[in-house]
């Protein structure tokens, strides 16, 4: 349990769920924090194929300007935050080995 609480991945997942929650209650009504502050999701949203795929999922009602968002944006947010956490955990591991 202590090892989990010391990992970056754990805290990045918590941050991801917090961002999703804030988006759901309408505090991020233009999806700026959810999508625009995440470089991987920005790259996906700028390509036509990626944008079409991300918007093709089940629509979840939210208190945003458009009124709903695809579930794939939430899944993508969680996955990218897991990737960021794993990168930082790997860096921390190699720095401890030095």
C-alpha atoms as a PDB file:
ATOM      1  CA  UNK A   1       0.000   0.000   0.000  1.00  0.00           C
ATOM      2  CA  UNK A   2       2.846   2.399   0.783  1.00  0.00           C
ATOM      3  CA  UNK A   3       4.376   1.724  -2.617  1.00  0.00           C
ATOM      4  CA  UNK A   4       1.124   2.655  -4.358  1.00  0.00           C
ATOM      5  CA  UNK A   5       0.809   5.904  -2.407  1.00  0.00           C
ATOM      6  CA  UNK A   6       4.369   6.855  -3.385  1.00  0.00           C
ATOM      7  CA  UNK A   7       3.828   6.369  -7.117  1.00  0.00           C
ATOM      8  CA  UNK A   8       3.180   9.162  -9.565  1.00  0.00           C
ATOM      9  CA  UNK A   9       0.730   6.977 -11.483  1.00  0.00           C
ATOM     10  CA  UNK A  10      -1.642   6.797  -8.512  1.00  0.00           C
ATOM     11  CA  UNK A  11      -1.774  10.573  -8.127  1.00  0.00           C
ATOM     12  CA  UNK A  12      -2.066  11.176 -11.862  1.00  0.00           C
ATOM     13  CA  UNK A  13      -5.110   8.864 -11.969  1.00  0.00           C
ATOM     14  CA  UNK A  14      -6.669  10.813  -9.098  1.00  0.00           C
ATOM     15  CA  UNK A  15      -6.001  14.082 -10.955  1.00  0.00           C
ATOM     16  CA  UNK A  16      -7.553  12.607 -14.109  1.00  0.00           C
ATOM     17  CA  UNK A  17     -10.745  11.641 -12.274  1.00  0.00           C
ATOM     18  CA  UNK A  18     -10.859  15.079 -10.650  1.00  0.00           C
ATOM     19  CA  UNK A  19     -10.630  16.739 -14.079  1.00  0.00           C
ATOM     20  CA  UNK A  20     -13.416  14.480 -15.392  1.00  0.00           C
ATOM     21  CA  UNK A  21     -15.577  15.312 -12.376  1.00  0.00           C
ATOM     22  CA  UNK A  22     -15.015  19.052 -12.835  1.00  0.00           C
ATOM     23  CA  UNK A  23     -15.950  18.683 -16.500  1.00  0.00           C
ATOM     24  CA  UNK A  24     -19.124  16.813 -15.586  1.00  0.00           C
ATOM     25  CA  UNK A  25     -20.343  19.441 -13.113  1.00  0.00           C
ATOM     26  CA  UNK A  26     -19.702  22.243 -15.601  1.00  0.00           C
ATOM     27  CA  UNK A  27     -16.571  23.876 -14.181  1.00  0.00           C
ATOM     28  CA  UNK A  28     -14.763  23.121 -17.453  1.00  0.00           C
ATOM     29  CA  UNK A  29     -17.589  23.980 -19.806  1.00  0.00           C
ATOM     30  CA  UNK A  30     -15.355  24.499 -22.858  1.00  0.00           C
ATOM     31  CA  UNK A  31     -13.221  21.358 -22.247  1.00  0.00           C
ATOM     32  CA  UNK A  32     -10.079  23.450 -21.874  1.00  0.00           C
ATOM     33  CA  UNK A  33      -8.674  21.542 -18.902  1.00  0.00           C
ATOM     34  CA  UNK A  34      -9.878  18.150 -20.132  1.00  0.00           C
ATOM     35  CA  UNK A  35      -8.522  18.367 -23.683  1.00  0.00           C
ATOM     36  CA  UNK A  36      -6.484  21.530 -24.309  1.00  0.00           C
ATOM     37  CA  UNK A  37      -4.022  21.067 -21.422  1.00  0.00           C
ATOM     38  CA  UNK A  38      -3.303  17.463 -22.436  1.00  0.00           C
ATOM     39  CA  UNK A  39      -0.779  17.388 -25.333  1.00  0.00           C
ATOM     40  CA  UNK A  40      -1.737  13.893 -26.496  1.00  0.00           C
ATOM     41  CA  UNK A  41      -5.457  14.703 -26.626  1.00  0.00           C
ATOM     42  CA  UNK A  42      -4.713  17.984 -28.422  1.00  0.00           C
ATOM     43  CA  UNK A  43      -2.804  16.059 -31.097  1.00  0.00           C
ATOM     44  CA  UNK A  44      -5.710  13.629 -31.456  1.00  0.00           C
ATOM     45  CA  UNK A  45      -8.257  16.444 -31.662  1.00  0.00           C
ATOM     46  CA  UNK A  46      -6.342  18.182 -34.447  1.00  0.00           C
ATOM     47  CA  UNK A  47      -6.334  15.174 -36.772  1.00  0.00           C
ATOM     48  CA  UNK A  48      -9.527  14.475 -38.694  1.00  0.00           C
ATOM     49  CA  UNK A  49      -9.444  10.715 -38.173  1.00  0.00           C
ATOM     50  CA  UNK A  50      -8.664  11.021 -34.454  1.00  0.00           C
ATOM     51  CA  UNK A  51     -11.384  13.594 -33.869  1.00  0.00           C
ATOM     52  CA  UNK A  52     -13.941  11.504 -35.733  1.00  0.00           C
ATOM     53  CA  UNK A  53     -13.017   8.402 -33.699  1.00  0.00           C
ATOM     54  CA  UNK A  54     -13.026  10.211 -30.338  1.00  0.00           C
ATOM     55  CA  UNK A  55     -16.469  11.695 -31.013  1.00  0.00           C
ATOM     56  CA  UNK A  56     -17.957   8.376 -32.190  1.00  0.00           C
ATOM     57  CA  UNK A  57     -18.409   6.879 -28.722  1.00  0.00           C
ATOM     58  CA  UNK A  58     -21.432   6.903 -26.454  1.00  0.00           C
ATOM     59  CA  UNK A  59     -22.401  10.477 -25.587  1.00  0.00           C
ATOM     60  CA  UNK A  60     -22.433  11.298 -21.887  1.00  0.00           C
ATOM     61  CA  UNK A  61     -24.545  14.268 -20.783  1.00  0.00           C
ATOM     62  CA  UNK A  62     -22.562  16.978 -19.017  1.00  0.00           C
ATOM     63  CA  UNK A  63     -23.041  20.598 -18.057  1.00  0.00           C
ATOM     64  CA  UNK A  64     -20.896  21.936 -20.880  1.00  0.00           C
ATOM     65  CA  UNK A  65     -21.648  24.286 -23.743  1.00  0.00           C
ATOM     66  CA  UNK A  66     -22.420  21.396 -26.106  1.00  0.00           C
ATOM     67  CA  UNK A  67     -24.340  19.442 -23.464  1.00  0.00           C
ATOM     68  CA  UNK A  68     -22.604  16.093 -23.965  1.00  0.00           C
ATOM     69  CA  UNK A  69     -19.209  14.560 -24.648  1.00  0.00           C
ATOM     70  CA  UNK A  70     -18.078  11.204 -25.959  1.00  0.00           C
ATOM     71  CA  UNK A  71     -16.947   8.648 -23.391  1.00  0.00           C
ATOM     72  CA  UNK A  72     -13.754   8.182 -25.433  1.00  0.00           C
ATOM     73  CA  UNK A  73     -12.503  11.622 -24.337  1.00  0.00           C
ATOM     74  CA  UNK A  74     -12.758  10.537 -20.698  1.00  0.00           C
ATOM     75  CA  UNK A  75     -11.097   7.184 -21.395  1.00  0.00           C
ATOM     76  CA  UNK A  76      -8.357   8.950 -23.358  1.00  0.00           C
ATOM     77  CA  UNK A  77      -7.790  11.352 -20.490  1.00  0.00           C
ATOM     78  CA  UNK A  78      -7.359   8.542 -17.974  1.00  0.00           C
ATOM     79  CA  UNK A  79      -5.057   6.564 -20.289  1.00  0.00           C
ATOM     80  CA  UNK A  80      -2.831   9.558 -21.039  1.00  0.00           C
ATOM     81  CA  UNK A  81      -2.534  10.400 -17.347  1.00  0.00           C
ATOM     82  CA  UNK A  82      -1.538   6.781 -16.663  1.00  0.00           C
ATOM     83  CA  UNK A  83       1.137   7.119 -19.358  1.00  0.00           C
ATOM     84  CA  UNK A  84       2.422  10.351 -17.806  1.00  0.00           C
ATOM     85  CA  UNK A  85       2.522   8.719 -14.370  1.00  0.00           C
ATOM     86  CA  UNK A  86       4.411   5.701 -15.690  1.00  0.00           C
ATOM     87  CA  UNK A  87       6.956   7.977 -17.366  1.00  0.00           C
ATOM     88  CA  UNK A  88       7.581   9.839 -14.104  1.00  0.00           C
ATOM     89  CA  UNK A  89       7.740   6.569 -12.132  1.00  0.00           C
ATOM     90  CA  UNK A  90      10.317   5.227 -14.594  1.00  0.00           C
ATOM     91  CA  UNK A  91      12.407   8.373 -14.246  1.00  0.00           C
ATOM     92  CA  UNK A  92      12.171   8.121 -10.455  1.00  0.00           C
ATOM     93  CA  UNK A  93      13.221   4.449 -10.584  1.00  0.00           C
ATOM     94  CA  UNK A  94      16.318   5.157 -12.684  1.00  0.00           C
ATOM     95  CA  UNK A  95      17.293   8.136 -10.532  1.00  0.00           C
ATOM     96  CA  UNK A  96      17.140   5.920  -7.421  1.00  0.00           C
ATOM     97  CA  UNK A  97      19.374   3.347  -9.148  1.00  0.00           C
ATOM     98  CA  UNK A  98      22.024   6.000  -9.792  1.00  0.00           C
END
